[in-house]
Amino acid sequence: MMLIAFFICLVVALAITPYVKKLAFKLNAVDKPNNRKVHQKIMPRLGGLAIVISFFVGFILFNPDSPYFWPIFAGALVITITGILDDIYELSAKIKLLSQIIAASIAVIGGVQIGVVNLPFDQTIEFDFWSIPVTIIWIVGVTNAINLIDGLDGLAAGVSSIALITISGLAITLGDTFAAFIGFMLLGSTIGFLFYNFYPAKIFMGDTGALFLGYMIGVVSVLGFKNATLFTLIIPIVILGVPLLDTTLAIVRRFLHKQPLHKPDKHHLHHCLINFGFSHRQAVIMIYLLSSLFSLAAIIFTKSTMWGSVITLIAMILLIEILIEITGIISKRYRPILNLIEANNAKMKK
């Protein structure tokens, strides 16, 4: 049934995205070029509506049996309406944050909460009341992480897809069919949209898609690891390592420069890769690879002992640091060759 739901959501997203593109132009939900944007022409940015509609079709059609069904659905509606309004009218950062908190609160009050953490040596931490604010902060944090990484064609959709594959697969191994069901339907909707969103994009997902995906991934990751050990609690953090790390660095960077936390800049990971000399497509694929590396580490975590998990985490951090250093050297030394390959690819497409 999960695979059927996946394919139905994928087909629906493929079918309706062109119509959503036309709707975006009619509503003037477009993204205009500026000094911070990478694209050079006006682009429709309501594409996330195709992800939302296709997911809701699967959600209603298959009606997964769970007490969390309606709270998640209600929170998703709130975040979707916020995204649509922002794509059309550009809401303030405060209004968007308030909406995210409301959407997360609806899901949390409905039972989507991080409950107990089992520590090594047979000790446990029960969050009790604190499970509510902790879970809200987590969902809002993931929502903003996906939103902030949405800076290149296909980037947020691809990173989200990698995270959803990993979370859904691990949810199956943990016996949580509801979380896996939600994950696969989201995955189908996102991949269907990615056909139109990968470089060169025909449509952007906008805040409608980025906020919705961030909210849903935050919720699904909580459902999959509600009563976790200390190290399985780290798993969703590791899976979402790229967007969460990028968001954390953005907050630190803006704090040190005494800038408003919501103020956008051109120092995110994808901007840095382009500044290194990578093309748009190459930067996206590099971040896909990094995300896959984090996901692989998360899977290893589930099979490791406590010390094995610690060693894996340290090794992963060192490997990523080495990879970034090598990337910088390669991009400078072999930039002419990479440019030639890109030019040949462009000629072949023409």
C-alpha atoms as a PDB file:
ATOM      1  CA  MET A   1       0.000   0.000   0.000  1.00  0.00           C
ATOM      2  CA  MET A   2       2.853   2.405   0.776  1.00  0.00           C
ATOM      3  CA  LEU A   3       4.316   2.005  -2.714  1.00  0.00           C
ATOM      4  CA  ILE A   4       0.885   2.531  -4.280  1.00  0.00           C
ATOM      5  CA  ALA A   5       0.438   5.711  -2.230  1.00  0.00           C
ATOM      6  CA  PHE A   6       3.927   6.840  -3.273  1.00  0.00           C
ATOM      7  CA  PHE A   7       3.192   6.408  -6.996  1.00  0.00           C
ATOM      8  CA  ILE A   8      -0.253   8.034  -6.805  1.00  0.00           C
ATOM      9  CA  CYS A   9       1.198  11.126  -5.102  1.00  0.00           C
ATOM     10  CA  LEU A  10       4.047  11.212  -7.634  1.00  0.00           C
ATOM     11  CA  VAL A  11       1.669  11.010 -10.625  1.00  0.00           C
ATOM     12  CA  VAL A  12      -0.663  13.672  -9.181  1.00  0.00           C
ATOM     13  CA  ALA A  13       2.283  16.036  -8.612  1.00  0.00           C
ATOM     14  CA  LEU A  14       3.524  15.453 -12.171  1.00  0.00           C
ATOM     15  CA  ALA A  15       0.054  16.134 -13.569  1.00  0.00           C
ATOM     16  CA  ILE A  16      -0.858  19.296 -11.662  1.00  0.00           C
ATOM     17  CA  THR A  17       2.467  21.191 -11.478  1.00  0.00           C
ATOM     18  CA  PRO A  18       2.042  22.781 -14.969  1.00  0.00           C
ATOM     19  CA  TYR A  19      -1.402  24.074 -13.901  1.00  0.00           C
ATOM     20  CA  VAL A  20       0.047  25.425 -10.650  1.00  0.00           C
ATOM     21  CA  LYS A  21       2.664  27.231 -12.748  1.00  0.00           C
ATOM     22  CA  LYS A  22      -0.086  28.977 -14.747  1.00  0.00           C
ATOM     23  CA  LEU A  23      -1.920  29.839 -11.511  1.00  0.00           C
ATOM     24  CA  ALA A  24       1.252  31.387 -10.044  1.00  0.00           C
ATOM     25  CA  PHE A  25       1.557  33.808 -12.958  1.00  0.00           C
ATOM     26  CA  LYS A  26      -2.139  34.720 -12.710  1.00  0.00           C
ATOM     27  CA  LEU A  27      -1.803  35.472  -8.989  1.00  0.00           C
ATOM     28  CA  ASN A  28       1.527  37.271  -9.538  1.00  0.00           C
ATOM     29  CA  ALA A  29       3.195  34.787  -7.183  1.00  0.00           C
ATOM     30  CA  VAL A  30       6.574  35.271  -8.842  1.00  0.00           C
ATOM     31  CA  ASP A  31      10.196  35.568  -7.756  1.00  0.00           C
ATOM     32  CA  LYS A  32      12.025  38.531  -9.286  1.00  0.00           C
ATOM     33  CA  PRO A  33      15.833  38.594  -9.674  1.00  0.00           C
ATOM     34  CA  ASN A  34      17.907  40.708  -7.277  1.00  0.00           C
ATOM     35  CA  ASN A  35      21.481  40.864  -5.994  1.00  0.00           C
ATOM     36  CA  ARG A  36      20.866  37.989  -3.548  1.00  0.00           C
ATOM     37  CA  LYS A  37      19.073  35.643  -5.971  1.00  0.00           C
ATOM     38  CA  VAL A  38      20.880  33.259  -8.299  1.00  0.00           C
ATOM     39  CA  HIS A  39      18.259  33.187 -11.086  1.00  0.00           C
ATOM     40  CA  GLN A  40      18.235  35.866 -13.787  1.00  0.00           C
ATOM     41  CA  LYS A  41      14.575  35.940 -14.851  1.00  0.00           C
ATOM     42  CA  ILE A  42      11.115  36.149 -13.277  1.00  0.00           C
ATOM     43  CA  MET A  43      10.063  32.704 -12.005  1.00  0.00           C
ATOM     44  CA  PRO A  44       6.724  31.397 -10.668  1.00  0.00           C
ATOM     45  CA  ARG A  45       7.159  30.466  -7.009  1.00  0.00           C
ATOM     46  CA  LEU A  46       3.891  28.815  -5.959  1.00  0.00           C
ATOM     47  CA  GLY A  47       5.109  25.354  -6.992  1.00  0.00           C
ATOM     48  CA  GLY A  48       4.887  23.956  -3.491  1.00  0.00           C
ATOM     49  CA  LEU A  49       1.125  23.968  -3.921  1.00  0.00           C
ATOM     50  CA  ALA A  50       1.530  20.962  -6.246  1.00  0.00           C
ATOM     51  CA  ILE A  51       3.382  19.103  -3.457  1.00  0.00           C
ATOM     52  CA  VAL A  52       0.668  20.014  -0.953  1.00  0.00           C
ATOM     53  CA  ILE A  53      -2.270  19.028  -3.200  1.00  0.00           C
ATOM     54  CA  SER A  54      -0.744  15.714  -4.286  1.00  0.00           C
ATOM     55  CA  PHE A  55       0.105  14.847  -0.668  1.00  0.00           C
ATOM     56  CA  PHE A  56      -3.382  15.777   0.543  1.00  0.00           C
ATOM     57  CA  VAL A  57      -4.879  13.592  -2.217  1.00  0.00           C
ATOM     58  CA  GLY A  58      -2.890  10.623  -0.901  1.00  0.00           C
ATOM     59  CA  PHE A  59      -3.572  11.601   2.716  1.00  0.00           C
ATOM     60  CA  ILE A  60      -7.357  11.649   2.194  1.00  0.00           C
ATOM     61  CA  LEU A  61      -7.428   8.722  -0.258  1.00  0.00           C
ATOM     62  CA  PHE A  62      -5.537   6.299   1.976  1.00  0.00           C
ATOM     63  CA  ASN A  63      -6.551   7.839   5.323  1.00  0.00           C
ATOM     64  CA  PRO A  64      -3.745   6.236   7.391  1.00  0.00           C
ATOM     65  CA  ASP A  65      -5.170   5.024  10.691  1.00  0.00           C
ATOM     66  CA  SER A  66      -3.679   7.106  13.494  1.00  0.00           C
ATOM     67  CA  PRO A  67      -4.840   9.452  16.260  1.00  0.00           C
ATOM     68  CA  TYR A  68      -2.346  11.984  14.874  1.00  0.00           C
ATOM     69  CA  PHE A  69      -4.114  12.195  11.494  1.00  0.00           C
ATOM     70  CA  TRP A  70      -6.258  15.299  12.062  1.00  0.00           C
ATOM     71  CA  PRO A  71      -3.782  17.319  14.203  1.00  0.00           C
ATOM     72  CA  ILE A  72      -1.116  16.875  11.501  1.00  0.00           C
ATOM     73  CA  PHE A  73      -3.640  17.715   8.780  1.00  0.00           C
ATOM     74  CA  ALA A  74      -4.801  20.877  10.603  1.00  0.00           C
ATOM     75  CA  GLY A  75      -1.242  22.069  11.231  1.00  0.00           C
ATOM     76  CA  ALA A  76      -0.374  21.419   7.589  1.00  0.00           C
ATOM     77  CA  LEU A  77      -3.334  23.560   6.465  1.00  0.00           C
ATOM     78  CA  VAL A  78      -2.136  26.460   8.637  1.00  0.00           C
ATOM     79  CA  ILE A  79       1.418  26.275   7.284  1.00  0.00           C
ATOM     80  CA  THR A  80       0.179  25.900   3.691  1.00  0.00           C
ATOM     81  CA  ILE A  81      -2.081  28.957   3.874  1.00  0.00           C
ATOM     82  CA  THR A  82       0.838  30.933   5.323  1.00  0.00           C
ATOM     83  CA  GLY A  83       3.096  29.835   2.473  1.00  0.00           C
ATOM     84  CA  ILE A  84       0.541  30.745  -0.198  1.00  0.00           C
ATOM     85  CA  LEU A  85      -0.009  34.198   1.291  1.00  0.00           C
ATOM     86  CA  ASP A  86       3.739  34.754   1.547  1.00  0.00           C
ATOM     87  CA  ASP A  87       4.336  33.712  -2.062  1.00  0.00           C
ATOM     88  CA  ILE A  88       1.691  36.212  -3.205  1.00  0.00           C
ATOM     89  CA  TYR A  89       2.033  39.102  -0.731  1.00  0.00           C
ATOM     90  CA  GLU A  90       5.438  38.500   1.006  1.00  0.00           C
ATOM     91  CA  LEU A  91       4.534  38.332   4.693  1.00  0.00           C
ATOM     92  CA  SER A  92       6.826  39.645   7.412  1.00  0.00           C
ATOM     93  CA  ALA A  93       9.230  37.274   9.182  1.00  0.00           C
ATOM     94  CA  LYS A  94       7.329  37.706  12.478  1.00  0.00           C
ATOM     95  CA  ILE A  95       4.000  36.635  10.968  1.00  0.00           C
ATOM     96  CA  LYS A  96       5.614  33.585   9.348  1.00  0.00           C
ATOM     97  CA  LEU A  97       7.296  32.579  12.605  1.00  0.00           C
ATOM     98  CA  LEU A  98       4.017  32.971  14.532  1.00  0.00           C
ATOM     99  CA  SER A  99       2.257  30.799  11.956  1.00  0.00           C
ATOM    100  CA  GLN A 100       4.957  28.124  12.247  1.00  0.00           C
ATOM    101  CA  ILE A 101       4.566  28.072  16.030  1.00  0.00           C
ATOM    102  CA  ILE A 102       0.771  27.765  15.715  1.00  0.00           C
ATOM    103  CA  ALA A 103       1.048  24.913  13.177  1.00  0.00           C
ATOM    104  CA  ALA A 104       3.620  23.084  15.317  1.00  0.00           C
ATOM    105  CA  SER A 105       1.524  23.628  18.450  1.00  0.00           C
ATOM    106  CA  ILE A 106      -1.553  22.066  16.810  1.00  0.00           C
ATOM    107  CA  ALA A 107       0.412  18.914  15.996  1.00  0.00           C
ATOM    108  CA  VAL A 108       2.087  18.804  19.421  1.00  0.00           C
ATOM    109  CA  ILE A 109      -1.161  19.282  21.357  1.00  0.00           C
ATOM    110  CA  GLY A 110      -2.567  16.487  19.179  1.00  0.00           C
ATOM    111  CA  GLY A 111       0.061  14.110  20.571  1.00  0.00           C
ATOM    112  CA  VAL A 112       3.064  14.532  18.253  1.00  0.00           C
ATOM    113  CA  GLN A 113       5.652  14.883  21.022  1.00  0.00           C
ATOM    114  CA  ILE A 114       9.127  13.697  21.977  1.00  0.00           C
ATOM    115  CA  GLY A 115       8.285  11.731  25.102  1.00  0.00           C
ATOM    116  CA  VAL A 116      11.083   9.742  26.735  1.00  0.00           C
ATOM    117  CA  VAL A 117      14.801   9.518  26.057  1.00  0.00           C
ATOM    118  CA  ASN A 118      16.501   6.319  27.218  1.00  0.00           C
ATOM    119  CA  LEU A 119      20.056   7.030  28.335  1.00  0.00           C
ATOM    120  CA  PRO A 120      22.892   4.482  28.563  1.00  0.00           C
ATOM    121  CA  PHE A 121      23.135   2.442  31.794  1.00  0.00           C
ATOM    122  CA  ASP A 122      19.319   1.990  32.063  1.00  0.00           C
ATOM    123  CA  GLN A 123      18.502   5.615  32.867  1.00  0.00           C
ATOM    124  CA  THR A 124      15.732   7.636  31.264  1.00  0.00           C
ATOM    125  CA  ILE A 125      14.759  11.266  30.805  1.00  0.00           C
ATOM    126  CA  GLU A 126      11.043  12.010  30.813  1.00  0.00           C
ATOM    127  CA  PHE A 127      10.318  15.416  29.332  1.00  0.00           C
ATOM    128  CA  ASP A 128       6.795  15.621  30.830  1.00  0.00           C
ATOM    129  CA  PHE A 129       5.589  19.216  30.267  1.00  0.00           C
ATOM    130  CA  TRP A 130       8.861  20.154  28.569  1.00  0.00           C
ATOM    131  CA  SER A 131       8.067  17.752  25.724  1.00  0.00           C
ATOM    132  CA  ILE A 132       5.655  20.410  24.383  1.00  0.00           C
ATOM    133  CA  PRO A 133       8.132  23.342  24.000  1.00  0.00           C
ATOM    134  CA  VAL A 134      10.992  21.004  22.988  1.00  0.00           C
ATOM    135  CA  THR A 135       8.945  19.450  20.185  1.00  0.00           C
ATOM    136  CA  ILE A 136       7.597  22.819  19.013  1.00  0.00           C
ATOM    137  CA  ILE A 137      11.160  24.191  18.831  1.00  0.00           C
ATOM    138  CA  TRP A 138      12.239  21.107  16.869  1.00  0.00           C
ATOM    139  CA  ILE A 139       9.409  21.347  14.303  1.00  0.00           C
ATOM    140  CA  VAL A 140       9.855  25.114  13.868  1.00  0.00           C
ATOM    141  CA  GLY A 141      13.634  24.643  13.579  1.00  0.00           C
ATOM    142  CA  VAL A 142      13.317  22.010  10.840  1.00  0.00           C
ATOM    143  CA  THR A 143      10.720  24.148   9.039  1.00  0.00           C
ATOM    144  CA  ASN A 144      13.117  27.097   8.887  1.00  0.00           C
ATOM    145  CA  ALA A 145      16.076  24.878   7.975  1.00  0.00           C
ATOM    146  CA  ILE A 146      14.325  23.583   4.848  1.00  0.00           C
ATOM    147  CA  ASN A 147      13.132  27.110   4.034  1.00  0.00           C
ATOM    148  CA  LEU A 148      16.632  28.599   4.302  1.00  0.00           C
ATOM    149  CA  ILE A 149      18.282  25.944   2.137  1.00  0.00           C
ATOM    150  CA  ASP A 150      15.802  26.607  -0.672  1.00  0.00           C
ATOM    151  CA  GLY A 151      18.235  28.772  -2.648  1.00  0.00           C
ATOM    152  CA  LEU A 152      19.057  26.785  -5.802  1.00  0.00           C
ATOM    153  CA  ASP A 153      16.973  24.891  -8.347  1.00  0.00           C
ATOM    154  CA  GLY A 154      15.961  21.517  -6.932  1.00  0.00           C
ATOM    155  CA  LEU A 155      18.003  21.937  -3.746  1.00  0.00           C
ATOM    156  CA  ALA A 156      15.300  21.903  -1.044  1.00  0.00           C
ATOM    157  CA  ALA A 157      13.226  19.283  -2.887  1.00  0.00           C
ATOM    158  CA  GLY A 158      16.241  17.002  -3.367  1.00  0.00           C
ATOM    159  CA  VAL A 159      17.563  17.329   0.196  1.00  0.00           C
ATOM    160  CA  SER A 160      14.024  16.765   1.526  1.00  0.00           C
ATOM    161  CA  SER A 161      13.660  13.646  -0.641  1.00  0.00           C
ATOM    162  CA  ILE A 162      16.916  12.181   0.692  1.00  0.00           C
ATOM    163  CA  ALA A 163      15.796  12.871   4.275  1.00  0.00           C
ATOM    164  CA  LEU A 164      12.338  11.371   3.628  1.00  0.00           C
ATOM    165  CA  ILE A 165      13.781   8.175   2.113  1.00  0.00           C
ATOM    166  CA  THR A 166      15.950   7.700   5.195  1.00  0.00           C
ATOM    167  CA  ILE A 167      13.298   8.598   7.789  1.00  0.00           C
ATOM    168  CA  SER A 168      10.648   6.421   6.096  1.00  0.00           C
ATOM    169  CA  GLY A 169      12.990   3.452   5.794  1.00  0.00           C
ATOM    170  CA  LEU A 170      14.043   3.692   9.447  1.00  0.00           C
ATOM    171  CA  ALA A 171      10.391   4.124  10.510  1.00  0.00           C
ATOM    172  CA  ILE A 172       9.604   0.787   8.840  1.00  0.00           C
ATOM    173  CA  THR A 173      12.433  -0.936  10.727  1.00  0.00           C
ATOM    174  CA  LEU A 174      11.072   0.553  13.984  1.00  0.00           C
ATOM    175  CA  GLY A 175       7.559  -0.698  13.168  1.00  0.00           C
ATOM    176  CA  ASP A 176       5.990   2.770  12.790  1.00  0.00           C
ATOM    177  CA  THR A 177       3.880   2.242   9.663  1.00  0.00           C
ATOM    178  CA  PHE A 178       2.023   5.566  10.019  1.00  0.00           C
ATOM    179  CA  ALA A 179       5.246   7.625   9.944  1.00  0.00           C
ATOM    180  CA  ALA A 180       6.499   5.519   7.024  1.00  0.00           C
ATOM    181  CA  PHE A 181       3.196   5.978   5.167  1.00  0.00           C
ATOM    182  CA  ILE A 182       3.345   9.763   5.586  1.00  0.00           C
ATOM    183  CA  GLY A 183       7.007   9.770   4.567  1.00  0.00           C
ATOM    184  CA  PHE A 184       6.429   7.821   1.340  1.00  0.00           C
ATOM    185  CA  MET A 185       3.476   9.996   0.306  1.00  0.00           C
ATOM    186  CA  LEU A 186       5.566  13.119   0.902  1.00  0.00           C
ATOM    187  CA  LEU A 187       8.411  11.544  -1.035  1.00  0.00           C
ATOM    188  CA  GLY A 188       6.198  10.803  -4.041  1.00  0.00           C
ATOM    189  CA  SER A 189       4.798  14.351  -4.035  1.00  0.00           C
ATOM    190  CA  THR A 190       8.263  15.907  -3.768  1.00  0.00           C
ATOM    191  CA  ILE A 191       9.891  13.776  -6.477  1.00  0.00           C
ATOM    192  CA  GLY A 192       6.964  14.456  -8.817  1.00  0.00           C
ATOM    193  CA  PHE A 193       7.521  18.191  -8.340  1.00  0.00           C
ATOM    194  CA  LEU A 194      11.315  17.801  -8.635  1.00  0.00           C
ATOM    195  CA  PHE A 195      10.908  16.867 -12.317  1.00  0.00           C
ATOM    196  CA  TYR A 196       9.956  20.520 -12.917  1.00  0.00           C
ATOM    197  CA  ASN A 197      12.174  22.037 -10.242  1.00  0.00           C
ATOM    198  CA  PHE A 198      15.615  20.537 -10.943  1.00  0.00           C
ATOM    199  CA  TYR A 199      18.066  22.787 -12.793  1.00  0.00           C
ATOM    200  CA  PRO A 200      17.098  24.562 -14.956  1.00  0.00           C
ATOM    201  CA  ALA A 201      13.881  24.958 -12.982  1.00  0.00           C
ATOM    202  CA  LYS A 202      10.571  25.735 -14.649  1.00  0.00           C
ATOM    203  CA  ILE A 203       8.978  26.652 -11.316  1.00  0.00           C
ATOM    204  CA  PHE A 204      10.086  27.297  -7.699  1.00  0.00           C
ATOM    205  CA  MET A 205       8.428  25.677  -4.700  1.00  0.00           C
ATOM    206  CA  GLY A 206       8.348  29.016  -2.868  1.00  0.00           C
ATOM    207  CA  ASP A 207       7.487  29.286   0.806  1.00  0.00           C
ATOM    208  CA  THR A 208       4.357  27.223   0.153  1.00  0.00           C
ATOM    209  CA  GLY A 209       6.527  24.201  -0.516  1.00  0.00           C
ATOM    210  CA  ALA A 210       9.496  24.944   1.742  1.00  0.00           C
ATOM    211  CA  LEU A 211       7.392  25.651   4.849  1.00  0.00           C
ATOM    212  CA  PHE A 212       5.095  22.688   4.193  1.00  0.00           C
ATOM    213  CA  LEU A 213       7.973  20.250   3.617  1.00  0.00           C
ATOM    214  CA  GLY A 214       9.869  21.555   6.641  1.00  0.00           C
ATOM    215  CA  TYR A 215       6.802  21.232   8.868  1.00  0.00           C
ATOM    216  CA  MET A 216       5.955  17.733   7.643  1.00  0.00           C
ATOM    217  CA  ILE A 217       9.545  16.444   7.872  1.00  0.00           C
ATOM    218  CA  GLY A 218       9.759  17.843  11.409  1.00  0.00           C
ATOM    219  CA  VAL A 219       6.529  16.061  12.340  1.00  0.00           C
ATOM    220  CA  VAL A 220       7.446  12.740  10.692  1.00  0.00           C
ATOM    221  CA  SER A 221      10.885  12.722  12.317  1.00  0.00           C
ATOM    222  CA  VAL A 222       9.239  13.143  15.735  1.00  0.00           C
ATOM    223  CA  LEU A 223       6.722  10.360  15.029  1.00  0.00           C
ATOM    224  CA  GLY A 224       9.491   7.988  13.998  1.00  0.00           C
ATOM    225  CA  PHE A 225      11.600   8.570  17.116  1.00  0.00           C
ATOM    226  CA  LYS A 226       9.139   9.453  19.903  1.00  0.00           C
ATOM    227  CA  ASN A 227      10.496   7.164  22.604  1.00  0.00           C
ATOM    228  CA  ALA A 228      14.148   7.019  21.678  1.00  0.00           C
ATOM    229  CA  THR A 229      17.528   6.187  23.094  1.00  0.00           C
ATOM    230  CA  LEU A 230      20.016   9.016  23.393  1.00  0.00           C
ATOM    231  CA  PHE A 231      21.651   8.050  20.123  1.00  0.00           C
ATOM    232  CA  THR A 232      18.512   7.256  18.133  1.00  0.00           C
ATOM    233  CA  LEU A 233      17.327  10.727  19.152  1.00  0.00           C
ATOM    234  CA  ILE A 234      20.366  12.051  17.290  1.00  0.00           C
ATOM    235  CA  ILE A 235      19.317  10.178  14.129  1.00  0.00           C
ATOM    236  CA  PRO A 236      16.810  12.770  12.788  1.00  0.00           C
ATOM    237  CA  ILE A 237      19.350  15.498  13.614  1.00  0.00           C
ATOM    238  CA  VAL A 238      21.994  13.660  11.599  1.00  0.00           C
ATOM    239  CA  ILE A 239      19.604  12.965   8.698  1.00  0.00           C
ATOM    240  CA  LEU A 240      18.823  16.689   8.487  1.00  0.00           C
ATOM    241  CA  GLY A 241      22.444  17.600   9.175  1.00  0.00           C
ATOM    242  CA  VAL A 242      23.002  19.741   6.053  1.00  0.00           C
ATOM    243  CA  PRO A 243      20.008  22.122   6.400  1.00  0.00           C
ATOM    244  CA  LEU A 244      20.287  22.250  10.216  1.00  0.00           C
ATOM    245  CA  LEU A 245      24.025  23.005  10.088  1.00  0.00           C
ATOM    246  CA  ASP A 246      23.479  25.643   7.412  1.00  0.00           C
ATOM    247  CA  THR A 247      20.742  27.263   9.520  1.00  0.00           C
ATOM    248  CA  THR A 248      22.854  27.189  12.693  1.00  0.00           C
ATOM    249  CA  LEU A 249      25.787  28.826  10.919  1.00  0.00           C
ATOM    250  CA  ALA A 250      23.460  31.473   9.451  1.00  0.00           C
ATOM    251  CA  ILE A 251      22.153  32.337  12.930  1.00  0.00           C
ATOM    252  CA  VAL A 252      25.699  32.543  14.375  1.00  0.00           C
ATOM    253  CA  ARG A 253      26.904  34.580  11.390  1.00  0.00           C
ATOM    254  CA  ARG A 254      24.082  37.122  11.657  1.00  0.00           C
ATOM    255  CA  PHE A 255      24.477  37.339  15.437  1.00  0.00           C
ATOM    256  CA  LEU A 256      28.206  38.056  15.168  1.00  0.00           C
ATOM    257  CA  HIS A 257      27.600  40.702  12.511  1.00  0.00           C
ATOM    258  CA  LYS A 258      24.766  42.182  14.607  1.00  0.00           C
ATOM    259  CA  GLN A 259      22.227  41.633  11.831  1.00  0.00           C
ATOM    260  CA  PRO A 260      18.565  40.629  12.264  1.00  0.00           C
ATOM    261  CA  LEU A 261      18.287  36.839  12.346  1.00  0.00           C
ATOM    262  CA  HIS A 262      15.672  36.895   9.571  1.00  0.00           C
ATOM    263  CA  LYS A 263      17.814  39.036   7.249  1.00  0.00           C
ATOM    264  CA  PRO A 264      18.815  37.012   4.141  1.00  0.00           C
ATOM    265  CA  ASP A 265      22.393  36.876   2.889  1.00  0.00           C
ATOM    266  CA  LYS A 266      24.563  35.144   0.281  1.00  0.00           C
ATOM    267  CA  HIS A 267      26.744  33.105   2.631  1.00  0.00           C
ATOM    268  CA  HIS A 268      24.765  29.862   2.792  1.00  0.00           C
ATOM    269  CA  LEU A 269      26.424  26.592   1.837  1.00  0.00           C
ATOM    270  CA  HIS A 270      25.055  26.663  -1.721  1.00  0.00           C
ATOM    271  CA  HIS A 271      26.296  30.244  -2.213  1.00  0.00           C
ATOM    272  CA  CYS A 272      29.747  29.264  -0.910  1.00  0.00           C
ATOM    273  CA  LEU A 273      29.981  26.338  -3.358  1.00  0.00           C
ATOM    274  CA  ILE A 274      29.116  28.638  -6.253  1.00  0.00           C
ATOM    275  CA  ASN A 275      31.725  31.133  -5.007  1.00  0.00           C
ATOM    276  CA  PHE A 276      34.227  28.239  -4.971  1.00  0.00           C
ATOM    277  CA  GLY A 277      33.660  28.032  -8.722  1.00  0.00           C
ATOM    278  CA  PHE A 278      31.071  25.264  -8.999  1.00  0.00           C
ATOM    279  CA  SER A 279      28.189  25.648 -11.420  1.00  0.00           C
ATOM    280  CA  HIS A 280      24.573  25.767 -10.264  1.00  0.00           C
ATOM    281  CA  ARG A 281      24.001  22.086 -11.074  1.00  0.00           C
ATOM    282  CA  GLN A 282      27.317  20.960  -9.540  1.00  0.00           C
ATOM    283  CA  ALA A 283      26.626  22.828  -6.288  1.00  0.00           C
ATOM    284  CA  VAL A 284      23.219  21.144  -5.970  1.00  0.00           C
ATOM    285  CA  ILE A 285      24.672  17.681  -6.628  1.00  0.00           C
ATOM    286  CA  MET A 286      27.455  18.320  -4.088  1.00  0.00           C
ATOM    287  CA  ILE A 287      24.884  19.117  -1.407  1.00  0.00           C
ATOM    288  CA  TYR A 288      22.884  16.028  -2.422  1.00  0.00           C
ATOM    289  CA  LEU A 289      26.026  13.968  -1.813  1.00  0.00           C
ATOM    290  CA  LEU A 290      26.604  15.606   1.579  1.00  0.00           C
ATOM    291  CA  SER A 291      22.979  14.937   2.552  1.00  0.00           C
ATOM    292  CA  SER A 292      23.331  11.311   1.458  1.00  0.00           C
ATOM    293  CA  LEU A 293      26.464  11.038   3.583  1.00  0.00           C
ATOM    294  CA  PHE A 294      24.571  12.294   6.638  1.00  0.00           C
ATOM    295  CA  SER A 295      21.737   9.855   5.920  1.00  0.00           C
ATOM    296  CA  LEU A 296      24.185   6.969   5.597  1.00  0.00           C
ATOM    297  CA  ALA A 297      25.718   7.930   8.941  1.00  0.00           C
ATOM    298  CA  ALA A 298      22.228   7.936  10.498  1.00  0.00           C
ATOM    299  CA  ILE A 299      21.587   4.409   9.214  1.00  0.00           C
ATOM    300  CA  ILE A 300      24.941   3.245  10.642  1.00  0.00           C
ATOM    301  CA  PHE A 301      23.914   4.836  13.959  1.00  0.00           C
ATOM    302  CA  THR A 302      20.925   2.496  14.208  1.00  0.00           C
ATOM    303  CA  LYS A 303      23.202  -0.543  13.829  1.00  0.00           C
ATOM    304  CA  SER A 304      26.001   0.605  16.143  1.00  0.00           C
ATOM    305  CA  THR A 305      26.725   0.398  19.841  1.00  0.00           C
ATOM    306  CA  MET A 306      27.021   3.592  21.865  1.00  0.00           C
ATOM    307  CA  TRP A 307      30.785   3.900  21.287  1.00  0.00           C
ATOM    308  CA  GLY A 308      30.347   2.853  17.673  1.00  0.00           C
ATOM    309  CA  SER A 309      27.906   5.726  17.242  1.00  0.00           C
ATOM    310  CA  VAL A 310      30.357   8.201  18.792  1.00  0.00           C
ATOM    311  CA  ILE A 311      33.179   7.021  16.514  1.00  0.00           C
ATOM    312  CA  THR A 312      30.868   7.184  13.482  1.00  0.00           C
ATOM    313  CA  LEU A 313      29.845  10.754  14.329  1.00  0.00           C
ATOM    314  CA  ILE A 314      33.457  11.910  14.753  1.00  0.00           C
ATOM    315  CA  ALA A 315      34.544  10.149  11.556  1.00  0.00           C
ATOM    316  CA  MET A 316      31.661  11.715   9.618  1.00  0.00           C
ATOM    317  CA  ILE A 317      32.547  15.242  10.788  1.00  0.00           C
ATOM    318  CA  LEU A 318      36.216  14.734   9.850  1.00  0.00           C
ATOM    319  CA  LEU A 319      35.256  13.263   6.482  1.00  0.00           C
ATOM    320  CA  ILE A 320      32.987  16.202   5.658  1.00  0.00           C
ATOM    321  CA  GLU A 321      35.719  18.680   6.633  1.00  0.00           C
ATOM    322  CA  ILE A 322      38.240  16.870   4.408  1.00  0.00           C
ATOM    323  CA  LEU A 323      35.673  16.734   1.586  1.00  0.00           C
ATOM    324  CA  ILE A 324      35.069  20.481   1.796  1.00  0.00           C
ATOM    325  CA  GLU A 325      38.817  21.204   1.746  1.00  0.00           C
ATOM    326  CA  ILE A 326      39.356  18.910  -1.258  1.00  0.00           C
ATOM    327  CA  THR A 327      36.372  20.508  -2.981  1.00  0.00           C
ATOM    328  CA  GLY A 328      37.941  23.945  -2.687  1.00  0.00           C
ATOM    329  CA  ILE A 329      41.269  22.723  -4.091  1.00  0.00           C
ATOM    330  CA  ILE A 330      39.660  20.837  -7.001  1.00  0.00           C
ATOM    331  CA  SER A 331      37.366  23.714  -7.919  1.00  0.00           C
ATOM    332  CA  LYS A 332      40.324  26.127  -8.197  1.00  0.00           C
ATOM    333  CA  ARG A 333      42.690  23.766 -10.007  1.00  0.00           C
ATOM    334  CA  TYR A 334      40.265  22.140 -12.436  1.00  0.00           C
ATOM    335  CA  ARG A 335      37.813  24.982 -12.982  1.00  0.00           C
ATOM    336  CA  PRO A 336      38.628  25.291 -16.742  1.00  0.00           C
ATOM    337  CA  ILE A 337      37.876  21.578 -17.267  1.00  0.00           C
ATOM    338  CA  LEU A 338      34.592  21.813 -15.341  1.00  0.00           C
ATOM    339  CA  ASN A 339      33.604  24.864 -17.373  1.00  0.00           C
ATOM    340  CA  LEU A 340      34.345  22.999 -20.611  1.00  0.00           C
ATOM    341  CA  ILE A 341      32.184  20.060 -19.517  1.00  0.00           C
ATOM    342  CA  GLU A 342      29.319  22.416 -18.654  1.00  0.00           C
ATOM    343  CA  ALA A 343      29.653  24.207 -21.999  1.00  0.00           C
ATOM    344  CA  ASN A 344      29.559  20.896 -23.886  1.00  0.00           C
ATOM    345  CA  ASN A 345      26.489  19.779 -21.953  1.00  0.00           C
ATOM    346  CA  ALA A 346      24.743  23.058 -22.796  1.00  0.00           C
ATOM    347  CA  LYS A 347      25.560  22.632 -26.518  1.00  0.00           C
ATOM    348  CA  MET A 348      24.245  19.062 -26.521  1.00  0.00           C
ATOM    349  CA  LYS A 349      20.948  20.202 -25.012  1.00  0.00           C
ATOM    350  CA  LYS A 350      20.538  22.818 -27.717  1.00  0.00           C
END
